[in-house]
C-alpha atoms as a PDB file:
ATOM      1  CA  LEU A   1     195.292 190.323 161.271  1.00  0.00           C
ATOM      2  CA  ASN A   2     197.269 187.368 159.503  1.00  0.00           C
ATOM      3  CA  SER A   3     200.155 187.288 157.238  1.00  0.00           C
ATOM      4  CA  SER A   4     197.810 185.841 154.028  1.00  0.00           C
ATOM      5  CA  PRO A   5     198.738 187.279 150.861  1.00  0.00           C
ATOM      6  CA  VAL A   6     196.365 189.638 148.883  1.00  0.00           C
ATOM      7  CA  PRO A   7     194.884 187.381 146.070  1.00  0.00           C
ATOM      8  CA  LEU A   8     194.886 189.364 143.013  1.00  0.00           C
ATOM      9  CA  ASP A   9     192.338 187.757 140.534  1.00  0.00           C
ATOM     10  CA  ILE A  10     192.974 188.771 136.620  1.00  0.00           C
ATOM     11  CA  GLN A  11     189.938 188.563 133.757  1.00  0.00           C
ATOM     12  CA  VAL A  12     190.288 189.130 130.474  1.00  0.00           C
ATOM     13  CA  ALA A  13     186.454 190.295 129.269  1.00  0.00           C
ATOM     14  CA  PRO A  14     185.604 189.564 125.578  1.00  0.00           C
ATOM     15  CA  MET A  15     183.605 192.568 125.194  1.00  0.00           C
ATOM     16  CA  PRO A  16     184.217 196.241 124.322  1.00  0.00           C
ATOM     17  CA  ARG A  17     182.833 197.397 127.350  1.00  0.00           C
ATOM     18  CA  LEU A  18     182.230 196.166 130.913  1.00  0.00           C
ATOM     19  CA  PHE A  19     179.155 197.944 132.014  1.00  0.00           C
ATOM     20  CA  PRO A  20     175.796 197.995 130.197  1.00  0.00           C
ATOM     21  CA  ASN A  21     175.156 201.660 131.332  1.00  0.00           C
ATOM     22  CA  ASP A  22     177.388 204.742 132.678  1.00  0.00           C
ATOM     23  CA  TRP A  23     175.290 204.433 135.776  1.00  0.00           C
ATOM     24  CA  VAL A  24     177.125 204.875 138.881  1.00  0.00           C
ATOM     25  CA  VAL A  25     175.237 202.516 140.731  1.00  0.00           C
ATOM     26  CA  GLN A  26     175.072 199.042 138.909  1.00  0.00           C
ATOM     27  CA  ASP A  27     172.407 196.431 139.246  1.00  0.00           C
ATOM     28  CA  ASP A  28     175.026 193.478 139.703  1.00  0.00           C
ATOM     29  CA  ILE A  29     178.450 193.746 140.226  1.00  0.00           C
ATOM     30  CA  THR A  30     179.424 190.239 141.550  1.00  0.00           C
ATOM     31  CA  ARG A  31     181.337 189.462 138.114  1.00  0.00           C
ATOM     32  CA  PHE A  32     183.800 191.970 139.501  1.00  0.00           C
ATOM     33  CA  LEU A  33     184.374 190.664 142.643  1.00  0.00           C
ATOM     34  CA  SER A  34     187.247 187.674 143.376  1.00  0.00           C
ATOM     35  CA  PRO A  35     184.901 184.818 144.396  1.00  0.00           C
ATOM     36  CA  SER A  36     185.540 183.500 148.266  1.00  0.00           C
ATOM     37  CA  PRO A  37     187.138 180.225 148.387  1.00  0.00           C
ATOM     38  CA  ARG A  38     184.616 177.385 148.575  1.00  0.00           C
ATOM     39  CA  ASN A  39     183.681 175.697 151.673  1.00  0.00           C
ATOM     40  CA  ALA A  40     185.956 178.293 154.040  1.00  0.00           C
ATOM     41  CA  PRO A  41     184.558 178.977 156.953  1.00  0.00           C
ATOM     42  CA  LEU A  42     183.429 182.553 157.276  1.00  0.00           C
ATOM     43  CA  ALA A  43     185.937 183.640 160.481  1.00  0.00           C
ATOM     44  CA  ASP A  44     188.830 181.125 160.744  1.00  0.00           C
ATOM     45  CA  GLY A  45     191.708 183.275 161.426  1.00  0.00           C
ATOM     46  CA  ASN A  46     193.020 182.231 157.881  1.00  0.00           C
ATOM     47  CA  MET A  47     190.849 184.434 155.251  1.00  0.00           C
ATOM     48  CA  PRO A  48     192.261 187.408 153.342  1.00  0.00           C
ATOM     49  CA  LEU A  49     190.723 190.648 154.587  1.00  0.00           C
ATOM     50  CA  LEU A  50     191.431 191.903 151.579  1.00  0.00           C
ATOM     51  CA  ARG A  51     190.839 190.651 148.124  1.00  0.00           C
ATOM     52  CA  LEU A  52     191.188 192.422 144.771  1.00  0.00           C
ATOM     53  CA  LYS A  53     189.967 191.399 141.280  1.00  0.00           C
ATOM     54  CA  LEU A  54     190.805 193.384 138.160  1.00  0.00           C
ATOM     55  CA  THR A  55     188.566 192.763 134.955  1.00  0.00           C
ATOM     56  CA  LEU A  56     189.982 193.996 131.570  1.00  0.00           C
ATOM     57  CA  ALA A  57     187.888 194.858 128.732  1.00  0.00           C
ATOM     58  CA  ASP A  58     189.082 196.915 125.209  1.00  0.00           C
ATOM     59  CA  ALA A  59     187.826 200.395 126.859  1.00  0.00           C
ATOM     60  CA  GLU A  60     187.680 199.831 130.307  1.00  0.00           C
ATOM     61  CA  THR A  61     188.733 198.535 133.342  1.00  0.00           C
ATOM     62  CA  ALA A  62     187.289 197.514 136.644  1.00  0.00           C
ATOM     63  CA  LEU A  63     188.809 196.885 140.131  1.00  0.00           C
ATOM     64  CA  GLY A  64     186.642 194.723 142.181  1.00  0.00           C
ATOM     65  CA  VAL A  65     187.823 195.298 146.061  1.00  0.00           C
ATOM     66  CA  SER A  66     186.489 192.904 148.888  1.00  0.00           C
ATOM     67  CA  TRP A  67     187.310 194.740 152.129  1.00  0.00           C
ATOM     68  CA  ASN A  68     186.930 193.362 155.554  1.00  0.00           C
ATOM     69  CA  HIS A  69     185.800 196.255 157.921  1.00  0.00           C
ATOM     70  CA  SER A  70     189.045 195.405 160.687  1.00  0.00           C
ATOM     71  CA  LEU A  71     191.153 196.962 158.001  1.00  0.00           C
ATOM     72  CA  GLY A  72     189.372 200.265 158.572  1.00  0.00           C
ATOM     73  CA  ASP A  73     186.174 202.130 157.675  1.00  0.00           C
ATOM     74  CA  ALA A  74     184.675 203.780 154.778  1.00  0.00           C
ATOM     75  CA  SER A  75     187.078 206.724 154.739  1.00  0.00           C
ATOM     76  CA  VAL A  76     190.082 204.656 154.836  1.00  0.00           C
ATOM     77  CA  LEU A  77     188.709 202.402 152.045  1.00  0.00           C
ATOM     78  CA  LEU A  78     188.066 205.461 149.965  1.00  0.00           C
ATOM     79  CA  ARG A  79     191.808 206.715 150.885  1.00  0.00           C
ATOM     80  CA  PHE A  80     193.025 203.536 149.734  1.00  0.00           C
ATOM     81  CA  MET A  81     191.171 203.447 146.747  1.00  0.00           C
ATOM     82  CA  GLN A  82     192.199 206.896 145.701  1.00  0.00           C
ATOM     83  CA  THR A  83     195.810 205.892 146.041  1.00  0.00           C
ATOM     84  CA  LEU A  84     195.126 202.660 144.053  1.00  0.00           C
ATOM     85  CA  CYS A  85     193.830 204.879 141.137  1.00  0.00           C
ATOM     86  CA  MET A  86     196.464 207.264 141.260  1.00  0.00           C
ATOM     87  CA  LEU A  87     199.015 204.995 141.105  1.00  0.00           C
ATOM     88  CA  TYR A  88     197.155 202.777 138.229  1.00  0.00           C
ATOM     89  CA  ARG A  89     197.127 206.275 136.452  1.00  0.00           C
ATOM     90  CA  GLU A  90     200.456 207.504 137.217  1.00  0.00           C
ATOM     91  CA  PRO A  91     202.785 204.551 138.412  1.00  0.00           C
ATOM     92  CA  ASP A  92     206.139 206.544 139.111  1.00  0.00           C
ATOM     93  CA  ALA A  93     204.180 209.098 141.278  1.00  0.00           C
ATOM     94  CA  PRO A  94     204.949 209.139 144.724  1.00  0.00           C
ATOM     95  CA  PRO A  95     202.196 208.743 147.369  1.00  0.00           C
ATOM     96  CA  PRO A  96     200.135 211.668 148.283  1.00  0.00           C
ATOM     97  CA  TRP A  97     200.814 210.993 152.120  1.00  0.00           C
ATOM     98  CA  GLN A  98     203.042 208.537 153.943  1.00  0.00           C
ATOM     99  CA  PRO A  99     201.742 206.048 155.900  1.00  0.00           C
ATOM    100  CA  THR A 100     202.043 206.155 159.853  1.00  0.00           C
ATOM    101  CA  LEU A 101     201.811 204.213 162.963  1.00  0.00           C
ATOM    102  CA  ASP A 102     202.434 207.048 165.021  1.00  0.00           C
ATOM    103  CA  LYS A 103     199.926 207.374 168.223  1.00  0.00           C
ATOM    104  CA  PHE A 104     198.544 210.108 169.193  1.00  0.00           C
ATOM    105  CA  ASP A 105     198.606 211.457 172.721  1.00  0.00           C
ATOM    106  CA  PHE A 106     195.707 213.643 173.251  1.00  0.00           C
ATOM    107  CA  ALA A 107     195.987 215.769 176.442  1.00  0.00           C
ATOM    108  CA  ALA A 108     193.176 214.652 179.415  1.00  0.00           C
ATOM    109  CA  PRO A 109     190.320 217.655 179.340  1.00  0.00           C
ATOM    110  CA  ASP A 110     190.427 220.199 181.961  1.00  0.00           C
ATOM    111  CA  SER A 111     187.740 220.550 184.703  1.00  0.00           C
ATOM    112  CA  HIS A 112     186.015 223.271 182.563  1.00  0.00           C
ATOM    113  CA  GLN A 113     185.621 221.071 179.356  1.00  0.00           C
ATOM    114  CA  ILE A 114     184.330 218.225 181.582  1.00  0.00           C
ATOM    115  CA  GLN A 115     181.428 220.562 182.910  1.00  0.00           C
ATOM    116  CA  GLU A 116     181.138 221.604 178.966  1.00  0.00           C
ATOM    117  CA  TYR A 117     180.967 218.554 177.123  1.00  0.00           C
ATOM    118  CA  LEU A 118     179.448 215.895 180.008  1.00  0.00           C
ATOM    119  CA  PRO A 119     175.404 215.279 179.838  1.00  0.00           C
END
């Protein structure tokens, strides 16, 4: 992880609707994603791990997210997106959970569990 800022691109689209239809899966979403810096190496330790692009139209808003897997898996991304959506809808609402850096210590399995679960 690095100390790079999270880039946020904002684009105002001169159209009433951003999507041609109401389908969940769209054919092409590249215009909603923040472009990678030109000629940047793929892994040099300086690329942001998260990039955001907010696209605004008259009746719709799209948030494009480029997420490096080292930040978390799909369930972590889902929780992140749910929190962003909640804060977008209700900016003064407290987050539904508080982040923690606590480490969990799991007890070593006893011999019965080892025998039961080992192949």
